[in-house]
């Protein structure tokens, strides 16, 4: 898989840009602040419907404009697909496939698969649990795009249920609460939450050996990297409490749904008192460890970079192996080589050099390993110019 052509209009700093890419490595070179990251961010947005830099869409639209448009021609297994997204902050985004509108923007998910490694990825290692949940959810959707709908439904249920908990809690204190509606929303949370939870568990299990192998390559002198999914349901579902090094099957959705229903019933008094959702995969975490020690609080800065790199390289190898068409995901490396030491640079360059398409950004040519100097584009003064 590769992006043959990219076009953006009023996206970030770009009033307009058109770039034609070839398979293999491509390097976008230019001083900071010239829009290199904005271009690769637009490619990542087409693949995930989200930015690796911000959580909202408003910053993606050029100042003073109402909307941004991103278009790409994607080649996979010899077939070309044209994807277009119109980003309108505060409104539902619109999408087209081969020029035809689709009912929901998320229907373009799966048309383009990317793995993007950027300095922001240190937040996966050092940030709060929400960063690791987001990482897992992006991997889940990349493996099975239909799960974007499950994730969206789960988020909708959380919002509706939180509002109901607040109103029901107030009525309960006044002695007039009718909790039958809450029972219905408990069922919705358990139904969608069990699907999302199972997908995360399966993704963690599938990623574990790839991430561990990548970490062993980039940090050969360090103890091994461990991944374990952490959920409060582990006390009720024995399979979830098993040693992650053991090959334990992921529980069926029905088992997880029943466990969620039971946990919701147990937590209801506390939820009504506090007016918040206390049970569900939105409270879970991905535990990362080096040897016997947790990464957070113990890993050095270099080890943190190694873990972040291993998670992305592991994701790339996992998606590559699961591709139905046999095409690799597009590998995007946004301004990361200047941050890495020689060993990590070499390992990343080795993997990227074998990718069907790798797109690299850097401030100066010297930051890009020689293996990745295929096509070169200079990005400066609002222009993208191919020079090699």
Protein backbone atom coordinates (compact mmCIF):
# COMPACT_ATOMS: atom_id res chain seq x y z
CA UNK A 1 0.00 0.00 0.00
CA UNK A 2 1.20 3.51 -0.76
CA UNK A 3 -0.09 7.05 -1.10
CA UNK A 4 0.38 8.06 -4.73
CA UNK A 5 -0.97 11.59 -4.42
CA UNK A 6 -1.88 13.92 -1.54
CA UNK A 7 -3.81 17.17 -1.79
CA UNK A 8 -4.77 19.49 1.08
CA UNK A 9 -6.77 22.71 1.14
CA UNK A 10 -6.93 25.02 4.17
CA UNK A 11 -5.40 22.33 6.36
CA UNK A 12 -3.31 23.74 9.22
CA UNK A 13 -0.83 26.22 7.68
CA UNK A 14 -1.50 25.13 4.08
CA UNK A 15 -3.84 27.14 1.88
CA UNK A 16 -3.17 24.40 -0.65
CA UNK A 17 -0.58 21.75 -1.46
CA UNK A 18 -0.29 18.88 -3.91
CA UNK A 19 2.35 16.18 -3.57
CA UNK A 20 2.92 13.12 -5.75
CA UNK A 21 4.70 10.25 -4.03
CA UNK A 22 6.35 7.06 -5.26
CA UNK A 23 6.58 3.74 -3.42
CA UNK A 24 9.64 3.39 -1.21
CA UNK A 25 11.17 6.07 1.01
CA UNK A 26 10.39 9.77 0.67
CA UNK A 27 11.91 12.54 2.78
CA UNK A 28 10.26 15.91 3.42
CA UNK A 29 13.07 18.31 4.36
CA UNK A 30 12.73 21.86 5.62
CA UNK A 31 13.23 24.19 8.58
CA UNK A 32 10.88 23.98 11.54
CA UNK A 33 7.55 25.72 11.09
CA UNK A 34 7.32 25.18 7.33
CA UNK A 35 4.48 22.63 7.40
CA UNK A 36 6.20 19.25 7.03
CA UNK A 37 4.42 17.75 10.01
CA UNK A 38 1.12 19.23 8.82
CA UNK A 39 1.38 17.23 5.60
CA UNK A 40 2.05 13.89 7.28
CA UNK A 41 -0.59 14.73 9.89
CA UNK A 42 -3.13 14.98 7.05
CA UNK A 43 -2.16 11.50 5.85
CA UNK A 44 -2.53 10.13 9.37
CA UNK A 45 -5.93 11.82 9.66
CA UNK A 46 -7.16 10.06 6.52
CA UNK A 47 -6.16 6.74 8.08
CA UNK A 48 -7.53 7.25 11.60
CA UNK A 49 -9.91 10.24 11.50
CA UNK A 50 -7.76 11.72 14.25
CA UNK A 51 -4.61 13.76 14.72
CA UNK A 52 -1.50 12.57 16.54
CA UNK A 53 -1.03 16.12 17.85
CA UNK A 54 -4.44 17.40 19.01
CA UNK A 55 -7.69 15.83 20.19
CA UNK A 56 -10.07 18.27 18.46
CA UNK A 57 -10.56 19.12 14.79
CA UNK A 58 -10.65 22.93 15.12
CA UNK A 59 -6.83 23.41 15.05
CA UNK A 60 -6.68 21.44 11.76
CA UNK A 61 -8.53 24.15 9.85
CA UNK A 62 -6.46 27.10 8.65
CA UNK A 63 -7.11 30.30 10.59
CA UNK A 64 -10.02 32.24 9.15
CA UNK A 65 -11.41 29.29 7.17
CA UNK A 66 -14.57 27.27 7.79
CA UNK A 67 -13.33 23.88 6.65
CA UNK A 68 -10.32 21.91 5.51
CA UNK A 69 -10.19 19.28 2.78
CA UNK A 70 -7.76 16.36 2.50
CA UNK A 71 -7.66 14.13 -0.58
CA UNK A 72 -5.45 11.17 -1.40
CA UNK A 73 -5.06 8.57 -4.11
CA UNK A 74 -4.08 5.27 -2.47
CA UNK A 75 -2.73 2.25 -4.32
CA UNK A 76 -3.18 -1.18 -2.73
CA UNK A 77 -2.47 -4.45 -4.53
CA UNK A 78 -2.45 -2.61 -7.85
CA UNK A 79 -5.84 -0.96 -7.37
CA UNK A 80 -6.26 2.77 -6.80
CA UNK A 81 -8.77 4.27 -4.40
CA UNK A 82 -9.49 7.97 -3.99
CA UNK A 83 -10.42 9.19 -0.52
CA UNK A 84 -11.62 12.67 0.42
CA UNK A 85 -12.40 14.15 3.84
CA UNK A 86 -13.98 17.52 4.57
CA UNK A 87 -13.24 18.63 8.12
CA UNK A 88 -15.76 21.08 9.58
CA UNK A 89 -15.24 21.87 13.29
CA UNK A 90 -18.43 21.62 15.31
CA UNK A 91 -20.20 19.66 12.60
CA UNK A 92 -20.12 16.14 11.20
CA UNK A 93 -17.22 15.62 8.82
CA UNK A 94 -18.04 14.52 5.27
CA UNK A 95 -16.24 11.88 3.25
CA UNK A 96 -16.10 10.49 -0.27
CA UNK A 97 -14.74 7.28 -1.76
CA UNK A 98 -13.89 7.45 -5.48
CA UNK A 99 -15.89 10.64 -5.73
CA UNK A 100 -19.08 9.24 -4.17
CA UNK A 101 -20.27 10.50 -0.75
CA UNK A 102 -20.50 7.93 2.03
CA UNK A 103 -23.11 8.11 4.84
CA UNK A 104 -20.52 8.37 7.65
CA UNK A 105 -16.93 9.55 7.59
CA UNK A 106 -15.79 6.43 9.44
CA UNK A 107 -16.68 4.34 6.38
CA UNK A 108 -13.36 5.42 4.84
CA UNK A 109 -11.45 3.71 7.65
CA UNK A 110 -9.43 0.83 6.27
CA UNK A 111 -8.87 2.46 2.89
CA UNK A 112 -5.49 3.66 4.15
CA UNK A 113 -3.48 2.05 6.94
CA UNK A 114 -0.62 3.93 8.52
CA UNK A 115 1.76 3.60 11.44
CA UNK A 116 3.00 7.02 12.54
CA UNK A 117 5.92 7.50 14.91
CA UNK A 118 6.41 11.02 16.28
CA UNK A 119 7.89 12.78 19.33
CA UNK A 120 4.36 12.92 20.77
CA UNK A 121 4.56 9.13 21.21
CA UNK A 122 6.51 9.60 24.44
CA UNK A 123 3.10 10.42 25.94
CA UNK A 124 2.11 6.78 25.43
CA UNK A 125 4.92 5.81 27.77
CA UNK A 126 4.93 8.70 30.23
CA UNK A 127 1.41 10.13 29.94
CA UNK A 128 -1.84 9.26 31.67
CA UNK A 129 -3.81 6.05 30.94
CA UNK A 130 -5.92 7.83 28.33
CA UNK A 131 -2.88 8.06 26.05
CA UNK A 132 -2.34 4.30 26.19
CA UNK A 133 -6.05 3.60 25.68
CA UNK A 134 -5.98 5.83 22.62
CA UNK A 135 -2.93 3.98 21.27
CA UNK A 136 -4.68 0.64 21.73
CA UNK A 137 -7.94 1.86 20.21
CA UNK A 138 -6.18 3.14 17.10
CA UNK A 139 -4.55 -0.27 16.72
CA UNK A 140 -7.91 -1.99 17.27
CA UNK A 141 -9.57 0.06 14.54
CA UNK A 142 -6.64 -0.41 12.17
CA UNK A 143 -7.06 -4.19 12.58
CA UNK A 144 -10.87 -4.11 12.27
CA UNK A 145 -12.33 -0.79 11.00
CA UNK A 146 -15.90 -1.79 11.97
CA UNK A 147 -14.87 -1.36 15.61
CA UNK A 148 -14.76 2.41 15.08
CA UNK A 149 -18.55 2.22 15.27
CA UNK A 150 -18.41 0.23 18.50
CA UNK A 151 -15.99 2.75 19.99
CA UNK A 152 -18.24 5.66 18.94
CA UNK A 153 -21.32 3.93 20.38
CA UNK A 154 -19.51 3.29 23.64
CA UNK A 155 -18.48 6.96 23.94
CA UNK A 156 -22.09 8.00 23.26
CA UNK A 157 -23.37 5.65 25.97
CA UNK A 158 -20.85 7.06 28.46
CA UNK A 159 -22.09 10.61 27.85
CA UNK A 160 -25.78 9.68 28.10
CA UNK A 161 -25.25 7.52 31.15
CA UNK A 162 -23.17 10.17 32.95
CA UNK A 163 -25.96 12.71 32.48
CA UNK A 164 -28.50 10.20 33.78
CA UNK A 165 -26.35 9.36 36.81
CA UNK A 166 -26.20 13.02 37.79
CA UNK A 167 -29.97 13.52 37.51
CA UNK A 168 -30.80 10.17 39.11
CA UNK A 169 -28.36 10.82 41.94
CA UNK A 170 -30.05 14.13 42.73
CA UNK A 171 -33.51 12.52 42.58
CA UNK A 172 -32.32 9.65 44.78
CA UNK A 173 -31.22 12.05 47.47
CA UNK A 174 -34.71 13.56 47.28
CA UNK A 175 -36.33 10.12 47.50
CA UNK A 176 -37.91 10.19 44.01
CA UNK A 177 -35.43 8.27 41.83
CA UNK A 178 -36.69 5.85 39.15
CA UNK A 179 -33.66 3.79 38.12
CA UNK A 180 -35.27 1.65 35.42
CA UNK A 181 -33.82 3.82 32.65
CA UNK A 182 -30.39 3.41 34.19
CA UNK A 183 -30.80 -0.38 33.90
CA UNK A 184 -31.27 0.05 30.14
CA UNK A 185 -28.13 2.15 29.81
CA UNK A 186 -26.20 -0.38 31.90
CA UNK A 187 -27.11 -2.95 29.26
CA UNK A 188 -25.90 -0.68 26.46
CA UNK A 189 -22.62 0.03 28.25
CA UNK A 190 -22.00 -3.67 28.87
CA UNK A 191 -22.87 -4.64 25.29
CA UNK A 192 -20.59 -2.09 23.60
CA UNK A 193 -17.98 -2.14 26.34
CA UNK A 194 -17.52 -5.91 26.14
CA UNK A 195 -16.81 -5.72 22.40
CA UNK A 196 -14.31 -2.90 22.86
CA UNK A 197 -12.68 -4.65 25.82
CA UNK A 198 -12.30 -7.94 23.95
CA UNK A 199 -10.78 -6.15 20.96
CA UNK A 200 -8.26 -4.39 23.22
CA UNK A 201 -7.35 -7.63 24.95
CA UNK A 202 -6.85 -9.36 21.62
CA UNK A 203 -4.77 -6.46 20.28
CA UNK A 204 -2.56 -6.50 23.39
CA UNK A 205 -2.03 -10.22 23.09
CA UNK A 206 -1.24 -9.97 19.35
CA UNK A 207 1.09 -6.99 19.76
CA UNK A 208 3.05 -8.36 22.72
CA UNK A 209 5.57 -10.58 20.85
CA UNK A 210 6.15 -8.02 18.08
CA UNK A 211 6.75 -5.17 20.53
CA UNK A 212 9.03 -7.35 22.68
CA UNK A 213 11.07 -8.37 19.62
CA UNK A 214 11.38 -4.76 18.47
CA UNK A 215 12.49 -3.66 21.94
CA UNK A 216 15.12 -6.38 22.03
CA UNK A 217 16.54 -5.01 18.78
CA UNK A 218 16.61 -1.34 19.79
CA UNK A 219 17.71 -1.95 23.40
CA UNK A 220 19.63 -5.26 23.37
CA UNK A 221 21.33 -4.60 26.71
CA UNK A 222 18.07 -3.93 28.54
CA UNK A 223 15.66 -6.36 30.21
CA UNK A 224 12.65 -7.42 28.14
CA UNK A 225 9.59 -5.31 27.41
CA UNK A 226 6.29 -6.51 28.89
CA UNK A 227 2.73 -5.54 27.97
CA UNK A 228 -0.31 -6.38 30.11
CA UNK A 229 -3.85 -5.09 29.88
CA UNK A 230 -5.07 -3.80 33.24
CA UNK A 231 -8.79 -3.86 34.05
CA UNK A 232 -10.79 -3.93 37.26
CA UNK A 233 -12.73 -6.89 35.83
CA UNK A 234 -9.68 -9.10 36.37
CA UNK A 235 -10.94 -9.96 39.87
CA UNK A 236 -14.16 -11.38 38.36
CA UNK A 237 -12.81 -13.03 35.18
CA UNK A 238 -9.94 -15.43 35.96
CA UNK A 239 -8.54 -15.32 32.41
CA UNK A 240 -7.91 -11.59 32.79
CA UNK A 241 -5.79 -12.12 35.89
CA UNK A 242 -3.51 -14.68 34.25
CA UNK A 243 0.21 -14.05 33.79
CA UNK A 244 0.51 -12.21 30.44
CA UNK A 245 3.42 -14.47 29.50
CA UNK A 246 1.00 -17.41 29.42
CA UNK A 247 -0.98 -18.15 26.28
CA UNK A 248 -4.43 -17.67 27.81
CA UNK A 249 -7.40 -17.29 25.41
CA UNK A 250 -9.21 -13.96 25.37
CA UNK A 251 -12.63 -14.36 27.05
CA UNK A 252 -15.74 -14.36 24.88
CA UNK A 253 -17.76 -11.11 24.70
CA UNK A 254 -20.62 -12.80 26.58
CA UNK A 255 -18.36 -13.50 29.56
CA UNK A 256 -17.10 -9.94 29.57
CA UNK A 257 -20.60 -8.51 29.16
CA UNK A 258 -21.85 -10.49 32.17
CA UNK A 259 -18.87 -9.34 34.23
CA UNK A 260 -19.54 -5.72 33.28
CA UNK A 261 -23.22 -6.02 34.25
CA UNK A 262 -22.24 -7.44 37.64
CA UNK A 263 -19.60 -4.76 38.20
CA UNK A 264 -22.07 -2.01 37.27
CA UNK A 265 -24.60 -3.34 39.76
CA UNK A 266 -21.96 -3.39 42.49
CA UNK A 267 -20.75 0.13 41.67
CA UNK A 268 -24.17 1.75 41.27
CA UNK A 269 -24.39 3.40 44.72
CA UNK A 270 -20.96 4.98 44.30
CA UNK A 271 -21.77 6.07 40.75
CA UNK A 272 -25.01 7.72 41.86
CA UNK A 273 -23.23 9.50 44.68
CA UNK A 274 -20.50 10.83 42.41
CA UNK A 275 -22.44 11.19 39.15
CA UNK A 276 -19.72 9.58 37.01
CA UNK A 277 -19.15 6.30 35.16
CA UNK A 278 -16.85 4.22 37.37
CA UNK A 279 -16.96 0.92 35.48
CA UNK A 280 -15.90 0.04 31.95
CA UNK A 281 -12.94 -0.04 29.55
CA UNK A 282 -12.67 3.77 29.73
CA UNK A 283 -11.07 3.18 33.16
CA UNK A 284 -8.52 0.59 31.99
CA UNK A 285 -4.81 0.89 31.22
CA UNK A 286 -2.00 -0.79 29.31
CA UNK A 287 0.75 -1.68 31.77
CA UNK A 288 4.26 -1.39 30.31
CA UNK A 289 7.24 -2.90 32.08
CA UNK A 290 10.96 -3.45 31.55
CA UNK A 291 11.91 -6.62 33.31
CA UNK A 292 10.07 -6.54 36.63
CA UNK A 293 9.79 -2.75 36.85
CA UNK A 294 7.02 -0.51 35.46
CA UNK A 295 8.14 1.86 32.72
CA UNK A 296 6.44 4.85 34.34
CA UNK A 297 8.60 6.11 37.17
CA UNK A 298 11.56 3.84 36.48
CA UNK A 299 12.54 4.08 32.79
CA UNK A 300 15.20 6.56 31.73
CA UNK A 301 14.57 9.01 28.92
CA UNK A 302 16.37 6.73 26.48
CA UNK A 303 14.44 3.68 27.65
CA UNK A 304 11.21 5.63 27.23
CA UNK A 305 12.10 6.37 23.62
CA UNK A 306 12.96 2.70 23.09
CA UNK A 307 9.58 1.58 24.45
CA UNK A 308 7.68 4.09 22.31
CA UNK A 309 9.65 3.02 19.24
CA UNK A 310 9.07 -0.67 20.03
CA UNK A 311 5.31 -0.13 20.32
CA UNK A 312 5.18 1.54 16.89
CA UNK A 313 7.50 -0.94 15.19
CA UNK A 314 5.57 -3.80 16.78
CA UNK A 315 2.29 -2.31 15.53
CA UNK A 316 3.77 -2.00 12.05
CA UNK A 317 4.89 -5.63 11.96
CA UNK A 318 1.55 -6.82 13.35
CA UNK A 319 -0.51 -4.92 10.78
CA UNK A 320 1.86 -5.94 8.03
CA UNK A 321 1.37 -9.61 8.88
CA UNK A 322 -2.42 -9.29 9.09
CA UNK A 323 -2.88 -7.43 5.79
CA UNK A 324 -5.50 -9.14 3.62
CA UNK A 325 -4.02 -7.71 0.41
CA UNK A 326 -0.44 -8.37 1.46
CA UNK A 327 0.41 -4.65 1.31
CA UNK A 328 2.38 -2.97 4.07
CA UNK A 329 0.92 -0.07 6.05
CA UNK A 330 2.42 3.29 5.16
CA UNK A 331 5.15 4.04 7.70
CA UNK A 332 5.36 7.72 8.70
CA UNK A 333 8.31 8.98 10.74
CA UNK A 334 7.76 12.56 11.82
CA UNK A 335 10.92 14.35 12.96
CA UNK A 336 12.15 11.47 15.11
CA UNK A 337 15.66 10.70 13.88
CA UNK A 338 17.17 13.79 15.53
CA UNK A 339 15.85 12.46 18.87
CA UNK A 340 17.36 8.96 18.56
CA UNK A 341 20.84 7.69 19.26
CA UNK A 342 22.83 5.79 16.64
CA UNK A 343 21.54 2.34 17.56
CA UNK A 344 17.88 3.30 17.55
CA UNK A 345 18.30 5.27 14.32
CA UNK A 346 19.88 2.26 12.66
CA UNK A 347 17.11 -0.13 13.73
CA UNK A 348 14.33 2.23 12.68
CA UNK A 349 16.02 2.89 9.34
CA UNK A 350 16.38 -0.84 8.71
CA UNK A 351 12.66 -1.44 9.17
CA UNK A 352 11.60 1.70 7.30
CA UNK A 353 13.91 0.91 4.39
CA UNK A 354 11.99 -2.34 3.77
CA UNK A 355 8.54 -0.73 3.93
CA UNK A 356 6.45 -0.49 0.79
CA UNK A 357 6.27 3.23 1.51
CA UNK A 358 7.98 5.26 4.23
CA UNK A 359 7.50 9.03 4.54
CA UNK A 360 10.05 10.84 6.71
CA UNK A 361 10.24 14.45 7.87
CA UNK A 362 13.39 16.19 9.06
CA UNK A 363 14.72 19.70 9.52
CA UNK A 364 18.04 18.99 7.79
CA UNK A 365 19.16 16.26 5.36
CA UNK A 366 21.74 14.97 7.84
CA UNK A 367 18.97 13.78 10.17
CA UNK A 368 17.76 11.25 7.57
CA UNK A 369 19.64 7.94 7.32
CA UNK A 370 21.02 7.22 3.87
CA UNK A 371 18.76 4.16 3.48
CA UNK A 372 15.73 6.47 3.49
CA UNK A 373 16.92 9.01 0.94
CA UNK A 374 14.84 7.85 -1.99
CA UNK A 375 12.74 10.79 -3.16
CA UNK A 376 13.48 14.14 -1.53
CA UNK A 377 11.10 17.08 -1.21
CA UNK A 378 12.07 20.52 0.05
CA UNK A 379 9.33 22.17 2.09
CA UNK A 380 9.76 25.92 2.47
CA UNK A 381 7.86 29.19 2.05
CA UNK A 382 4.50 27.51 1.45
CA UNK A 383 5.77 25.20 -1.30
CA UNK A 384 6.62 21.53 -1.65
CA UNK A 385 9.23 20.96 -4.35
CA UNK A 386 10.67 17.61 -5.39
CA UNK A 387 14.43 17.89 -5.80
CA UNK A 388 15.44 14.24 -6.12
